[in-house]
Each structure stands twice: as C-alpha cells, then as structure tokens.
Amino acid sequence: MKTTPDNASKTPDLSGLSTAEMMAVISNLKEQLAAKDDILQSQLKERDETIERRDNYIALLEELLRYKKIQQFAASSEKQPNQITLFDEAELEVGIDELRDELPEDVEEADAPPRSRKRRQRGFSDNLLRERIELTLSDEEKAGASKTFFTKVKEELEYIPAQLKVLEYWQEKAVFEQDGEERIVAAPRSAHPLGKCIATPSLLAYLITSKYADGLPLYRQEQMLKRLGHEVSRTSMAHWIIRLNDVFKPLINLMREAQNGSDYLQADETRIQVLKEDGKKAQSDKWMWVTRGGPPGKPSVLFEYDPSRGGKVPVRLLDDFQGILQADGYSGYGQVCRENKLTRIGCWDHARRKFVEASRAAPAKGKPSKADVALGHIRKLYAVEKAARDLSDAERYRVRQEKSLPMLKTFKVWLEKHAPKVMKGMLTRKAMDYTLNQWDTLTGYCERGDLQISNVLAENAIRPFAVGRKAWLFADTSQGANASATCYSLIETAKANNLEPSAYIHHVLKHIAEADSLGKLEALLPWNAELPASKKVAQYD
C-alpha cells in the first residue's frame, strides 16, 4: 500500500476563497513564475555568453596554433594562391599608357622612359679583368697560307684563389755630415689608418666586407686565413674593427649631415643582442636603427646602435631634418615628428604583412577569407606602382591620383564595413584595425611622385644585418655594436651609390689617414670617390 510522504507538499484548499482573494493568489503565482523565468533567462544568457567566450577563445587558440605551425614549418614567401584572380595587371598597364598619351605637350618624351623591357645581358661584364689567350697554328700547319687571323671562339670565367703576401718595407736613409755632426734623412712612410698595425688596408677591407657584407663571423675568417698560411686571431681582428670606428666616424658624420639635409627619409629598426651593456641584461633587446635617404645623387644608408627603442633615439638622429619621414606604425617616431614638425607617411609592406599572416593562419576552406580580399585590394595598389616604376616623378604622381586614390577609397569603405564583423583578437581584425588606424599615413605616398609605397628601401638595407646576425648572433660590447653600425653604414651606402663595397672601403682606408682637411674628407664620400680600375668590381692596385 502506497503512503504519502510526510514532507510532501499539500495542495492548498482554495475553495473557501473569495474572488478577490483568488485573483490575489493568481497574481502572486504569476509574479513568482515571472521571477523564476527572469532567473532562468539570466542563467541561459550567462551560459550562452560563457559558451561564446569559450568558442571565441578556442578559435583564437586554433588560429594561433595554425600561425605558429606556419611560422615554424612553412615557407616564408608572402605570395598567396589566389593573388592573380583578384586584379588584372594588364588593364592597369593599358590605363597608365592612356594617361601617358594625355600628357601635355610641354612634357618632353625624354622624361618618359621607353616601354620596352630591358634585354638580358649576355656574356661577362666589361668591368672584369681580361686576359687574351691565343690558340696558334704551328709553322707547318700555316705554311703556304696567304694570311692568318684570329677570331674569338669562347669566353670562360676563371677564379683566382686568395693568397696572403707579406709586404716588406725597406726605408732608404741618407746620412749627411755637417760641422762634425751627422744628419739622417729618411724616405717618407705612407700613413696607416690605425698607425701601428700588421694588416694592410686591403686586408682590413676584406675582413670588414666578409663579416658585414657576406655574414662570415671572425672565427671562420680566422680559419680561412690560417689555411692561407698565417693565423690571425679573431681577437686581433675584432680590435682592428673597433679601432676603425673612430677612424671612420668623421666620414659617417658627413654622411649624416648630407642625409638630414634632404627632404625625404626612410627609417626602420631591428633587434641586436649585446652581451655587455651597462644597466641591461645580456638577454634583453637592444636596437640597431637605420635611416635611408639623401639629396638627389647622394643616397646614404646609416646604421646607429642604441640600447633603447625610445622616441629619444630618432630625435637625436634626425636632429636637424625637415621633411617627410617614412616608417612603420611604431609610436617611437611620433616624438621626432611632433618636435621637428615632420610629415609622416606609412609603409604598406607592414600593413600587407599583417593580412598575409592572417590569411595563412585562416582555416583551410575553398572560399577566400576576408584577409585574402584585403590582400587583393593591396595588390592592386602595388600593381599600379609596378606599372609606373619607370615613369618620371610627375607622371607617377598623376598615375597615383588617377588610379591609386580611387582604389584606396574603395578599400577603406570595405574595411570600415567588414572590420566590425570580425572578432576582436583575431589576426584579420588586428590587420584591419592597424590599417584603419594608420590610414592617413598609409595614403601619404600619393602626395608626391618620388615617394615610395613602402619602407622597402630601408628594409632592404637592414636585411643584410639580419642575415649576418644569424651567423655571428651577438655583439660582445657596445663598442663592437657601434663599430658594426659604422661598417654596415659604409657597405650599404657604397651599394646605394653603385660602388663595390670592398673596393670602396679599401679606397677609404688607403686615403683617410692623410685626409687632414674637410675637402680631402669630402672627397672620400661615396658619391665623390674616384675608385681605380672599376667602381663595381673589387680590383686592388
């Protein structure tokens, strides 16, 4: 037999209630139900928000995992599989040609380079040393011939192995006797940039170029020289390079003065590890700064080491610069722009790179992602620049006004429409926000024809430093880092002026010890230097 539990709730007897009392009970029950419903809805909403936060967090982690895998294992190229489907470069070429046809009559045709592509150079450079080797007939073979002549049948490239040679300096001295006393006159000795040093300028130039242009650490050069017959310790080589920093400094100061006298500079910075820096841990980041620019015909690339990445560094480097500064979105350049009233323009390479990272980290789907679409817009801008690369500054400015500005306007509208639809924290959203926040600076390159769409020239100049850093890893002291900055400045500035770096540094080392006036020092600047033999090939006297 079933029994009702003692604690079972009993149904209240409402039969004796009046109508008004019954309505009050019903109203009270409705209020209780509504309160419970509110609590339930609140709990459901909180649960949904928790699930949404969890899903978003999972999505962020999955994207981060894909991105880290790509960073570690995938190729570093920024090319994307869908890039050719998002614009037609041929149409841009035709459009730019139409703009050229509309040029006013006062623009000379000489200002517009020919449309034909450069032919690939065949054979060897005329700058190389040449040796004629004659293949002759024997007297019996050419007996009875009416005449003989030579024809060139082939050219071969020969490598002359490096070798060490000892230069013995014998100084002639003459003795004069006068009034019972002897007077000695000695032949003058050539000045050495380091005074007493066993290395000739050619060896010093080789060491500098091998380390800073070719990325060969000093310990490898030590082994190479030992194989050639004489061991030179890496400690000695390091001391020579550090001492040369003071020798080269007046020349670097002249380059800095000329560079800051221009109206357009590019700037960038990268990390360097210096083990012994006052107030800094060995593992902490220090910085190598680079600026590129200069007056027409006088380009320079200057490196500067500083343990800080603060805004005070560009203020010091660009003390008297007035003009346009191109850099990425790093806020450290804001101080010098405010104090010097500089016009700042941005770098589309940095904006594009963020979308590339987002595209590569997106889930593998057939449909292009928003990052892919954004890259399509950016590629259109670069296609315009590629088509206008050989035009004059005036023509390029006109092309940008006619072609690039409408593309930029369309791209900005698309970004503003789609950015709110992407979850915050995702790589695509970060790329969109960065681009919109930097929009005024990113569009600044359209204001003149000589400006670059990106900071590529400064990045290209800093790339050899990044490659070399992988080989020699760190600098031991700040003196070494400063010497490295000076050597990189000389090498990259020589390259910017179409000079072979080793030949230029050798030329400077041969003459800088005797440069006792401003005029002699200015003659050693790369745009003034007169190199023997060839400007593009390292051929020493």
Protein backbone atom coordinates (compact mmCIF):
# COMPACT_ATOMS: atom_id res chain seq x y z
CA MET A 1 0.00 0.00 0.00
CA LYS A 2 1.39 3.39 -1.07
CA THR A 3 1.64 6.10 1.52
CA THR A 4 2.16 9.81 1.05
CA PRO A 5 5.47 11.04 2.46
CA ASP A 6 5.24 13.25 5.47
CA ASN A 7 7.26 16.01 3.81
CA ALA A 8 5.09 16.07 0.65
CA SER A 9 3.66 19.49 -0.03
CA LYS A 10 -0.05 19.65 0.36
CA THR A 11 -2.23 21.39 -2.19
CA PRO A 12 -3.79 24.39 -0.53
CA ASP A 13 -7.55 24.42 -0.24
CA LEU A 14 -8.75 27.45 -2.22
CA SER A 15 -12.40 26.58 -2.24
CA GLY A 16 -13.26 28.94 0.54
CA LEU A 17 -11.54 32.00 -1.02
CA SER A 18 -13.45 34.87 -2.43
CA THR A 19 -12.99 36.09 -5.98
CA ALA A 20 -10.74 38.95 -4.90
CA GLU A 21 -8.63 36.64 -2.78
CA MET A 22 -8.40 34.15 -5.65
CA MET A 23 -7.21 36.93 -8.01
CA ALA A 24 -4.56 37.94 -5.50
CA VAL A 25 -3.29 34.36 -5.26
CA ILE A 26 -3.17 34.07 -9.07
CA SER A 27 -1.32 37.40 -9.34
CA ASN A 28 1.21 36.25 -6.75
CA LEU A 29 1.79 32.99 -8.60
CA LYS A 30 2.32 34.89 -11.87
CA GLU A 31 4.88 37.11 -10.17
CA GLN A 32 6.71 34.06 -8.87
CA LEU A 33 6.66 32.46 -12.30
CA ALA A 34 7.92 35.69 -13.90
CA ALA A 35 10.72 35.96 -11.36
CA LYS A 36 11.73 32.34 -11.97
CA ASP A 37 11.57 32.97 -15.73
CA ASP A 38 13.84 36.02 -15.37
CA ILE A 39 16.30 34.00 -13.35
CA LEU A 40 16.17 31.20 -15.91
CA GLN A 41 16.67 33.65 -18.82
CA SER A 42 19.57 35.28 -17.00
CA GLN A 43 21.14 31.88 -16.41
CA LEU A 44 20.63 30.91 -20.04
CA LYS A 45 22.13 34.22 -21.22
CA GLU A 46 25.10 33.78 -18.93
CA ARG A 47 25.54 30.22 -20.19
CA ASP A 48 25.37 31.39 -23.81
CA GLU A 49 27.91 34.14 -23.13
CA THR A 50 30.19 31.63 -21.44
CA ILE A 51 29.88 29.27 -24.41
CA GLU A 52 30.52 32.15 -26.82
CA ARG A 53 33.60 33.24 -24.87
CA ARG A 54 34.82 29.66 -24.83
CA ASP A 55 34.23 29.27 -28.59
CA ASN A 56 35.99 32.56 -29.29
CA TYR A 57 38.91 31.55 -27.11
CA ILE A 58 39.11 28.20 -28.89
CA ALA A 59 39.02 29.97 -32.25
CA LEU A 60 41.84 32.28 -31.15
CA LEU A 61 43.91 29.34 -29.92
CA GLU A 62 43.31 27.39 -33.12
CA GLU A 63 44.36 30.38 -35.22
CA LEU A 64 47.43 30.92 -33.07
CA LEU A 65 48.34 27.24 -33.38
CA ARG A 66 48.00 27.36 -37.18
CA TYR A 67 50.05 30.56 -37.31
CA LYS A 68 52.85 29.11 -35.15
CA LYS A 69 52.97 25.97 -37.27
CA ILE A 70 53.22 28.10 -40.40
CA GLN A 71 55.96 30.21 -38.81
CA GLN A 72 57.97 27.13 -37.90
CA PHE A 73 57.46 24.85 -40.89
CA ALA A 74 56.02 26.72 -43.88
CA ALA A 75 57.87 28.75 -46.50
CA SER A 76 58.33 32.43 -45.67
CA SER A 77 57.17 33.76 -49.04
CA GLU A 78 54.27 36.20 -48.88
CA LYS A 79 52.80 35.01 -52.19
CA GLN A 80 49.24 33.75 -51.96
CA PRO A 81 47.49 31.20 -54.18
CA ASN A 82 44.59 33.50 -55.08
CA GLN A 83 46.54 36.63 -55.83
CA ILE A 84 46.28 36.52 -59.63
CA THR A 85 42.49 36.20 -59.56
CA LEU A 86 41.88 39.46 -57.73
CA PHE A 87 43.10 42.00 -60.28
CA ASP A 88 44.14 42.30 -63.89
CA GLU A 89 47.56 43.91 -64.13
CA ALA A 90 47.29 44.18 -67.92
CA GLU A 91 44.34 46.55 -67.54
CA LEU A 92 46.45 48.76 -65.30
CA GLU A 93 49.25 48.83 -67.85
CA VAL A 94 46.79 49.92 -70.56
CA GLY A 95 45.30 52.56 -68.27
CA ILE A 96 48.70 54.01 -67.46
CA ASP A 97 49.62 54.08 -71.15
CA GLU A 98 46.43 56.02 -71.81
CA LEU A 99 47.42 58.54 -69.15
CA ARG A 100 50.82 58.91 -70.77
CA ASP A 101 49.12 59.72 -74.09
CA GLU A 102 47.21 62.51 -72.35
CA LEU A 103 50.37 64.25 -71.11
CA PRO A 104 50.60 67.95 -72.02
CA GLU A 105 52.86 68.92 -74.89
CA ASP A 106 55.37 70.67 -72.63
CA VAL A 107 56.43 67.30 -71.17
CA GLU A 108 59.35 66.04 -73.21
CA GLU A 109 59.38 62.46 -74.39
CA ALA A 110 62.83 62.08 -72.83
CA ASP A 111 61.18 62.30 -69.42
CA ALA A 112 59.14 59.20 -70.24
CA PRO A 113 61.30 56.07 -70.48
CA PRO A 114 60.67 53.61 -73.30
CA ARG A 115 58.07 50.94 -72.71
CA SER A 116 60.23 48.10 -73.95
CA ARG A 117 61.70 45.75 -71.39
CA LYS A 118 65.41 45.51 -70.80
CA ARG A 119 67.15 42.67 -72.56
CA ARG A 120 69.02 40.16 -70.51
CA GLN A 121 72.75 40.84 -70.62
CA ARG A 122 74.76 38.07 -72.19
CA GLY A 123 78.45 37.44 -71.72
CA PHE A 124 80.63 38.79 -68.93
CA SER A 125 80.86 42.29 -67.52
CA ASP A 126 83.30 44.72 -69.10
CA ASN A 127 84.44 45.63 -65.58
CA LEU A 128 86.23 42.31 -65.16
CA LEU A 129 89.92 41.89 -65.90
CA ARG A 130 90.50 40.13 -69.20
CA GLU A 131 93.39 38.05 -70.46
CA ARG A 132 93.79 37.16 -74.12
CA ILE A 133 94.81 33.59 -74.82
CA GLU A 134 95.82 32.92 -78.42
CA LEU A 135 95.49 29.44 -79.85
CA THR A 136 98.09 29.39 -82.62
CA LEU A 137 98.80 27.16 -85.56
CA SER A 138 102.17 25.55 -85.91
CA ASP A 139 104.52 26.73 -88.66
CA GLU A 140 103.82 23.54 -90.62
CA GLU A 141 100.03 24.00 -90.34
CA LYS A 142 100.06 27.53 -91.71
CA ALA A 143 102.80 27.05 -94.31
CA GLY A 144 101.66 28.41 -97.67
CA ALA A 145 98.70 30.38 -96.25
CA SER A 146 98.06 33.78 -97.85
CA LYS A 147 97.17 35.31 -94.46
CA THR A 148 96.28 34.40 -90.89
CA PHE A 149 93.88 35.99 -88.43
CA PHE A 150 92.31 35.38 -85.02
CA THR A 151 88.63 35.03 -84.11
CA LYS A 152 87.24 34.88 -80.60
CA VAL A 153 85.60 31.50 -80.12
CA LYS A 154 84.70 31.42 -76.42
CA GLU A 155 84.93 33.14 -73.06
CA GLU A 156 85.49 31.44 -69.71
CA LEU A 157 85.31 32.75 -66.17
CA GLU A 158 88.36 31.94 -64.05
CA TYR A 159 88.67 32.21 -60.28
CA ILE A 160 91.97 33.48 -58.83
CA PRO A 161 92.34 31.94 -55.34
CA ALA A 162 93.03 34.31 -52.46
CA GLN A 163 96.54 34.41 -51.05
CA LEU A 164 98.44 36.17 -48.33
CA LYS A 165 101.52 38.18 -49.14
CA VAL A 166 103.98 39.87 -46.78
CA LEU A 167 104.93 43.41 -47.72
CA GLU A 168 108.47 44.23 -46.56
CA TYR A 169 109.04 47.97 -46.27
CA TRP A 170 112.69 48.95 -46.61
CA GLN A 171 113.23 52.61 -45.87
CA GLU A 172 116.13 54.31 -47.53
CA LYS A 173 118.06 56.72 -45.33
CA ALA A 174 120.74 59.18 -46.26
CA VAL A 175 123.46 60.40 -43.85
CA PHE A 176 124.76 63.96 -44.14
CA GLU A 177 127.83 65.18 -42.25
CA GLN A 178 127.95 68.81 -41.33
CA ASP A 179 130.19 70.55 -38.80
CA GLY A 180 131.28 67.23 -37.42
CA GLU A 181 127.69 66.06 -36.85
CA GLU A 182 125.61 63.55 -38.76
CA ARG A 183 122.08 64.26 -40.02
CA ILE A 184 119.89 61.43 -41.30
CA VAL A 185 117.13 61.94 -43.88
CA ALA A 186 114.69 59.03 -44.30
CA ALA A 187 112.24 58.38 -47.15
CA PRO A 188 108.66 59.19 -46.09
CA ARG A 189 106.45 56.36 -44.94
CA SER A 190 102.84 56.09 -46.04
CA ALA A 191 100.34 56.76 -43.25
CA HIS A 192 98.32 53.82 -41.93
CA PRO A 193 94.75 54.45 -40.69
CA LEU A 194 95.50 52.55 -37.46
CA GLY A 195 99.08 53.68 -37.03
CA LYS A 196 100.95 50.58 -35.93
CA CYS A 197 99.13 47.60 -37.41
CA ILE A 198 100.24 44.47 -39.25
CA ALA A 199 97.17 44.43 -41.53
CA THR A 200 97.24 46.39 -44.78
CA PRO A 201 94.18 48.40 -45.93
CA SER A 202 93.32 45.60 -48.36
CA LEU A 203 93.24 43.00 -45.56
CA LEU A 204 91.17 45.29 -43.33
CA ALA A 205 88.74 45.90 -46.20
CA TYR A 206 88.49 42.15 -46.78
CA LEU A 207 87.75 41.43 -43.10
CA ILE A 208 85.06 44.11 -42.91
CA THR A 209 83.37 43.10 -46.15
CA SER A 210 83.49 39.39 -45.33
CA LYS A 211 81.81 39.88 -41.98
CA TYR A 212 79.31 42.64 -42.69
CA ALA A 213 78.50 42.06 -46.36
CA ASP A 214 78.92 38.28 -46.56
CA GLY A 215 77.99 37.30 -42.99
CA LEU A 216 81.26 35.47 -42.20
CA PRO A 217 82.00 35.53 -38.46
CA LEU A 218 85.55 36.35 -37.43
CA TYR A 219 86.21 32.84 -36.16
CA ARG A 220 85.55 31.49 -39.67
CA GLN A 221 87.82 34.11 -41.18
CA GLU A 222 90.46 33.08 -38.65
CA GLN A 223 90.30 29.53 -40.00
CA MET A 224 90.36 30.70 -43.63
CA LEU A 225 93.45 32.86 -43.11
CA LYS A 226 95.17 30.01 -41.31
CA ARG A 227 94.64 27.80 -44.37
CA LEU A 228 96.25 30.54 -46.48
CA GLY A 229 99.44 30.38 -44.44
CA HIS A 230 99.19 32.71 -41.44
CA GLU A 231 96.97 32.66 -38.37
CA VAL A 232 95.37 35.96 -37.39
CA SER A 233 93.40 35.70 -34.15
CA ARG A 234 89.79 36.78 -34.07
CA THR A 235 90.66 38.97 -31.07
CA SER A 236 93.10 40.97 -33.19
CA MET A 237 90.56 41.30 -35.99
CA ALA A 238 87.88 42.49 -33.56
CA HIS A 239 90.22 45.09 -32.07
CA TRP A 240 91.09 46.40 -35.54
CA ILE A 241 87.43 46.82 -36.46
CA ILE A 242 86.62 48.57 -33.18
CA ARG A 243 89.58 50.94 -33.59
CA LEU A 244 88.49 51.74 -37.14
CA ASN A 245 85.19 53.05 -35.78
CA ASP A 246 86.95 56.24 -34.63
CA VAL A 247 88.76 56.47 -37.97
CA PHE A 248 85.53 56.27 -39.99
CA LYS A 249 83.47 58.48 -37.67
CA PRO A 250 84.21 61.84 -39.37
CA LEU A 251 83.10 60.34 -42.67
CA ILE A 252 79.90 58.98 -41.12
CA ASN A 253 79.19 62.41 -39.62
CA LEU A 254 79.43 63.99 -43.09
CA MET A 255 77.03 61.37 -44.44
CA ARG A 256 74.60 62.09 -41.62
CA GLU A 257 74.80 65.81 -42.30
CA ALA A 258 74.11 65.29 -46.01
CA GLN A 259 71.27 62.86 -45.28
CA ASN A 260 69.49 65.17 -42.85
CA GLY A 261 69.76 67.95 -45.43
CA SER A 262 67.35 66.12 -47.73
CA ASP A 263 63.55 66.29 -47.61
CA TYR A 264 62.68 62.56 -47.58
CA LEU A 265 63.99 59.80 -45.32
CA GLN A 266 63.02 56.23 -44.52
CA ALA A 267 63.62 54.75 -41.07
CA ASP A 268 63.46 51.31 -39.50
CA GLU A 269 64.89 49.46 -36.53
CA THR A 270 65.74 45.87 -35.62
CA ARG A 271 66.94 43.94 -32.59
CA ILE A 272 70.55 43.21 -31.71
CA GLN A 273 71.87 41.31 -28.70
CA VAL A 274 74.76 42.97 -26.89
CA LEU A 275 76.13 40.93 -24.00
CA LYS A 276 77.85 43.68 -22.03
CA GLU A 277 75.70 46.79 -21.84
CA ASP A 278 75.52 48.92 -18.69
CA GLY A 279 72.17 48.59 -16.96
CA LYS A 280 70.91 45.91 -19.34
CA LYS A 281 70.72 42.15 -19.10
CA ALA A 282 72.58 40.17 -21.74
CA GLN A 283 69.32 38.59 -22.93
CA SER A 284 67.45 41.89 -23.26
CA ASP A 285 66.79 43.51 -26.62
CA LYS A 286 68.94 46.36 -27.84
CA TRP A 287 68.38 48.09 -31.13
CA MET A 288 70.03 48.88 -34.43
CA TRP A 289 68.43 51.89 -36.12
CA VAL A 290 68.73 52.61 -39.84
CA THR A 291 67.86 55.69 -41.89
CA ARG A 292 67.99 55.84 -45.67
CA GLY A 293 67.76 58.88 -47.95
CA GLY A 294 69.73 61.88 -49.00
CA PRO A 295 69.79 64.62 -51.64
CA PRO A 296 69.46 63.62 -55.31
CA GLY A 297 72.54 61.69 -56.39
CA LYS A 298 73.81 61.38 -52.80
CA PRO A 299 71.96 58.44 -51.19
CA SER A 300 73.19 57.13 -47.87
CA VAL A 301 72.21 54.32 -45.52
CA LEU A 302 73.21 54.96 -41.93
CA PHE A 303 73.07 52.50 -39.04
CA GLU A 304 73.14 53.57 -35.41
CA TYR A 305 73.29 51.37 -32.33
CA ASP A 306 71.34 52.32 -29.22
CA PRO A 307 70.26 50.13 -26.29
CA SER A 308 66.92 51.97 -26.24
CA ARG A 309 63.96 51.87 -28.60
CA GLY A 310 62.51 55.06 -27.16
CA GLY A 311 61.50 58.13 -29.10
CA LYS A 312 64.60 60.00 -27.95
CA VAL A 313 66.73 58.00 -30.42
CA PRO A 314 65.12 59.27 -33.66
CA VAL A 315 65.05 62.75 -32.10
CA ARG A 316 68.82 62.55 -31.75
CA LEU A 317 69.43 61.04 -35.18
CA LEU A 318 67.10 63.40 -37.05
CA ASP A 319 68.02 66.48 -35.06
CA ASP A 320 68.05 68.94 -37.98
CA PHE A 321 65.98 67.01 -40.52
CA GLN A 322 62.98 68.78 -42.04
CA GLY A 323 60.77 66.94 -44.50
CA ILE A 324 58.94 63.64 -44.92
CA LEU A 325 59.71 60.63 -42.72
CA GLN A 326 58.53 57.19 -43.81
CA ALA A 327 58.35 54.46 -41.19
CA ASP A 328 56.07 51.72 -39.92
CA GLY A 329 53.41 52.27 -37.29
CA TYR A 330 55.81 52.20 -34.33
CA SER A 331 54.92 55.04 -31.96
CA GLY A 332 58.58 55.85 -31.22
CA TYR A 333 58.74 58.03 -34.34
CA GLY A 334 55.90 60.21 -33.12
CA GLN A 335 58.10 62.35 -30.86
CA VAL A 336 60.50 63.47 -33.59
CA CYS A 337 57.60 64.14 -35.96
CA ARG A 338 55.97 66.41 -33.38
CA GLU A 339 59.14 68.22 -32.32
CA ASN A 340 60.52 68.72 -35.85
CA LYS A 341 57.07 69.15 -37.43
CA LEU A 342 57.79 66.33 -39.87
CA THR A 343 55.27 64.88 -42.30
CA ARG A 344 54.96 61.19 -41.60
CA ILE A 345 53.93 58.57 -44.16
CA GLY A 346 53.40 54.88 -43.57
CA CYS A 347 54.52 51.58 -45.06
CA TRP A 348 52.12 49.34 -46.97
CA ASP A 349 54.54 46.41 -46.60
CA HIS A 350 53.83 46.32 -42.87
CA ALA A 351 50.08 46.51 -43.39
CA ARG A 352 50.17 43.84 -46.09
CA ARG A 353 52.31 41.54 -43.94
CA LYS A 354 49.65 41.51 -41.23
CA PHE A 355 46.99 40.41 -43.72
CA VAL A 356 49.36 37.76 -45.09
CA GLU A 357 49.78 36.35 -41.59
CA ALA A 358 46.00 36.35 -41.11
CA SER A 359 45.43 34.67 -44.48
CA ARG A 360 47.94 31.93 -43.85
CA ALA A 361 46.53 31.25 -40.37
CA ALA A 362 42.92 31.07 -41.61
CA PRO A 363 41.15 27.66 -41.71
CA ALA A 364 41.66 25.73 -44.94
CA LYS A 365 38.50 26.47 -46.93
CA GLY A 366 37.75 26.90 -50.60
CA LYS A 367 36.22 30.34 -50.09
CA PRO A 368 38.69 33.26 -49.85
CA SER A 369 38.85 34.79 -46.40
CA LYS A 370 38.45 38.49 -45.59
CA ALA A 371 42.24 38.67 -45.30
CA ASP A 372 42.50 37.35 -48.89
CA VAL A 373 40.10 40.01 -50.11
CA ALA A 374 42.09 42.71 -48.33
CA LEU A 375 45.27 41.42 -49.94
CA GLY A 376 43.57 41.67 -53.30
CA HIS A 377 42.95 45.40 -52.70
CA ILE A 378 46.57 45.92 -51.63
CA ARG A 379 47.93 44.05 -54.64
CA LYS A 380 46.08 46.42 -56.92
CA LEU A 381 47.99 49.31 -55.33
CA TYR A 382 51.30 47.51 -55.83
CA ALA A 383 50.40 46.69 -59.44
CA VAL A 384 49.97 50.40 -60.12
CA GLU A 385 53.42 51.07 -58.64
CA LYS A 386 54.98 48.28 -60.70
CA ALA A 387 53.48 49.61 -63.91
CA ALA A 388 54.61 53.17 -63.08
CA ARG A 389 58.07 52.19 -61.87
CA ASP A 390 59.97 53.61 -64.86
CA LEU A 391 57.95 56.81 -65.16
CA SER A 392 59.12 60.25 -64.12
CA ASP A 393 58.06 61.61 -60.73
CA ALA A 394 55.49 63.89 -62.37
CA GLU A 395 53.97 61.04 -64.38
CA ARG A 396 53.95 58.73 -61.37
CA TYR A 397 52.16 61.38 -59.28
CA ARG A 398 49.49 61.71 -61.95
CA VAL A 399 49.03 57.94 -62.16
CA ARG A 400 48.59 57.74 -58.41
CA GLN A 401 45.98 60.47 -58.44
CA GLU A 402 44.10 58.83 -61.30
CA LYS A 403 44.44 55.18 -60.27
CA SER A 404 45.59 54.69 -56.69
CA LEU A 405 43.37 57.18 -54.85
CA PRO A 406 40.08 55.64 -56.08
CA MET A 407 41.39 52.18 -55.13
CA LEU A 408 42.32 53.45 -51.68
CA LYS A 409 38.87 54.97 -51.19
CA THR A 410 37.18 51.69 -52.16
CA PHE A 411 39.46 49.72 -49.85
CA LYS A 412 38.75 51.97 -46.87
CA VAL A 413 34.99 51.65 -47.35
CA TRP A 414 35.37 47.87 -47.42
CA LEU A 415 37.49 47.87 -44.26
CA GLU A 416 35.06 50.06 -42.33
CA LYS A 417 32.16 47.81 -43.36
CA HIS A 418 33.74 44.46 -42.54
CA ALA A 419 36.03 45.20 -39.57
CA PRO A 420 33.16 45.20 -37.00
CA LYS A 421 32.08 41.77 -38.28
CA VAL A 422 35.41 40.14 -37.34
CA MET A 423 36.02 39.06 -33.75
CA LYS A 424 38.46 41.20 -31.80
CA GLY A 425 41.77 39.50 -31.18
CA MET A 426 41.76 37.61 -34.48
CA LEU A 427 44.69 38.30 -36.79
CA THR A 428 42.38 39.60 -39.50
CA ARG A 429 40.77 42.09 -37.11
CA LYS A 430 44.20 43.22 -35.90
CA ALA A 431 45.29 43.78 -39.50
CA MET A 432 42.11 45.73 -40.28
CA ASP A 433 42.42 47.89 -37.16
CA TYR A 434 46.09 48.58 -37.86
CA THR A 435 45.34 49.63 -41.44
CA LEU A 436 42.47 51.91 -40.43
CA ASN A 437 44.43 53.46 -37.57
CA GLN A 438 47.37 54.16 -39.91
CA TRP A 439 45.22 55.21 -42.87
CA ASP A 440 46.29 58.86 -43.05
CA THR A 441 49.97 57.89 -43.12
CA LEU A 442 49.46 54.93 -45.46
CA THR A 443 47.90 57.14 -48.12
CA GLY A 444 50.62 59.80 -47.82
CA TYR A 445 52.76 58.33 -50.60
CA CYS A 446 50.23 59.58 -53.17
CA GLU A 447 51.03 63.21 -52.35
CA ARG A 448 54.28 63.14 -54.38
CA GLY A 449 55.66 61.12 -57.23
CA ASP A 450 59.07 60.45 -55.69
CA LEU A 451 57.74 58.83 -52.50
CA GLN A 452 57.70 55.06 -52.06
CA ILE A 453 54.60 52.98 -51.35
CA SER A 454 56.53 51.18 -48.63
CA ASN A 455 59.61 51.35 -46.48
CA VAL A 456 61.22 48.77 -48.73
CA LEU A 457 64.50 50.61 -49.32
CA ALA A 458 65.21 50.84 -45.59
CA GLU A 459 64.11 47.22 -45.10
CA ASN A 460 66.36 46.06 -47.93
CA ALA A 461 69.25 47.93 -46.32
CA ILE A 462 68.63 46.33 -42.95
CA ARG A 463 68.22 42.81 -44.37
CA PRO A 464 71.99 42.10 -44.68
CA PHE A 465 72.29 42.97 -40.99
CA ALA A 466 69.54 40.49 -40.13
CA VAL A 467 71.22 37.80 -42.26
CA GLY A 468 74.62 38.46 -40.69
CA ARG A 469 73.11 38.43 -37.21
CA LYS A 470 72.11 34.78 -37.74
CA ALA A 471 75.79 33.96 -38.31
CA TRP A 472 77.54 35.97 -35.60
CA LEU A 473 74.49 36.06 -33.25
CA PHE A 474 75.51 38.93 -30.96
CA ALA A 475 77.97 41.71 -30.18
CA ASP A 476 80.09 41.39 -27.08
CA THR A 477 80.20 45.09 -26.11
CA SER A 478 78.59 48.36 -27.10
CA GLN A 479 81.88 49.34 -28.74
CA GLY A 480 81.56 46.33 -31.02
CA ALA A 481 77.94 47.19 -31.79
CA ASN A 482 78.90 50.78 -32.66
CA ALA A 483 81.71 49.54 -34.91
CA SER A 484 79.28 47.17 -36.61
CA ALA A 485 76.88 50.05 -37.24
CA THR A 486 79.67 52.05 -38.86
CA CYS A 487 80.78 49.18 -41.08
CA TYR A 488 77.22 48.44 -42.19
CA SER A 489 76.76 52.15 -42.97
CA LEU A 490 79.81 52.19 -45.25
CA ILE A 491 78.86 48.97 -47.03
CA GLU A 492 75.19 49.79 -47.62
CA THR A 493 75.95 53.39 -48.64
CA ALA A 494 78.52 52.12 -51.13
CA LYS A 495 75.91 49.77 -52.58
CA ALA A 496 73.35 52.58 -52.77
CA ASN A 497 75.86 54.54 -54.87
CA ASN A 498 76.59 51.56 -57.16
CA LEU A 499 80.05 51.00 -55.71
CA GLU A 500 81.54 47.63 -54.87
CA PRO A 501 81.74 47.72 -51.04
CA SER A 502 85.16 46.10 -50.65
CA ALA A 503 86.74 48.36 -53.29
CA TYR A 504 85.21 51.45 -51.69
CA ILE A 505 86.30 50.58 -48.14
CA HIS A 506 89.78 49.79 -49.41
CA HIS A 507 89.88 53.18 -51.14
CA VAL A 508 88.82 54.94 -47.94
CA LEU A 509 91.37 53.08 -45.81
CA LYS A 510 94.16 53.97 -48.22
CA HIS A 511 93.46 57.71 -48.07
CA ILE A 512 91.66 58.58 -44.84
CA ALA A 513 94.85 58.75 -42.74
CA GLU A 514 96.01 61.63 -44.95
CA ALA A 515 92.61 63.36 -45.04
CA ASP A 516 93.65 66.26 -42.80
CA SER A 517 91.15 68.77 -44.21
CA LEU A 518 87.42 68.92 -44.81
CA GLY A 519 87.95 68.92 -48.56
CA LYS A 520 90.02 65.73 -48.50
CA LEU A 521 87.47 64.05 -46.26
CA GLU A 522 84.56 65.04 -48.52
CA ALA A 523 86.45 63.57 -51.47
CA LEU A 524 86.13 60.16 -49.77
CA LEU A 525 82.32 60.28 -49.66
CA PRO A 526 80.92 57.55 -51.93
CA TRP A 527 79.32 59.99 -54.37
CA ASN A 528 82.67 61.81 -54.71
CA ALA A 529 85.10 58.89 -54.53
CA GLU A 530 87.14 58.12 -57.62
CA LEU A 531 88.00 54.45 -57.45
CA PRO A 532 90.80 52.93 -59.51
CA ALA A 533 90.08 50.30 -62.15
CA SER A 534 86.36 49.77 -61.66
CA LYS A 535 83.66 51.08 -59.37
CA LYS A 536 81.78 47.80 -59.38
CA VAL A 537 84.49 45.16 -59.04
CA ALA A 538 86.97 44.73 -56.20
CA GLN A 539 90.25 45.06 -58.09
CA TYR A 540 93.06 46.41 -55.94
CA ASP A 541 96.19 48.14 -57.11
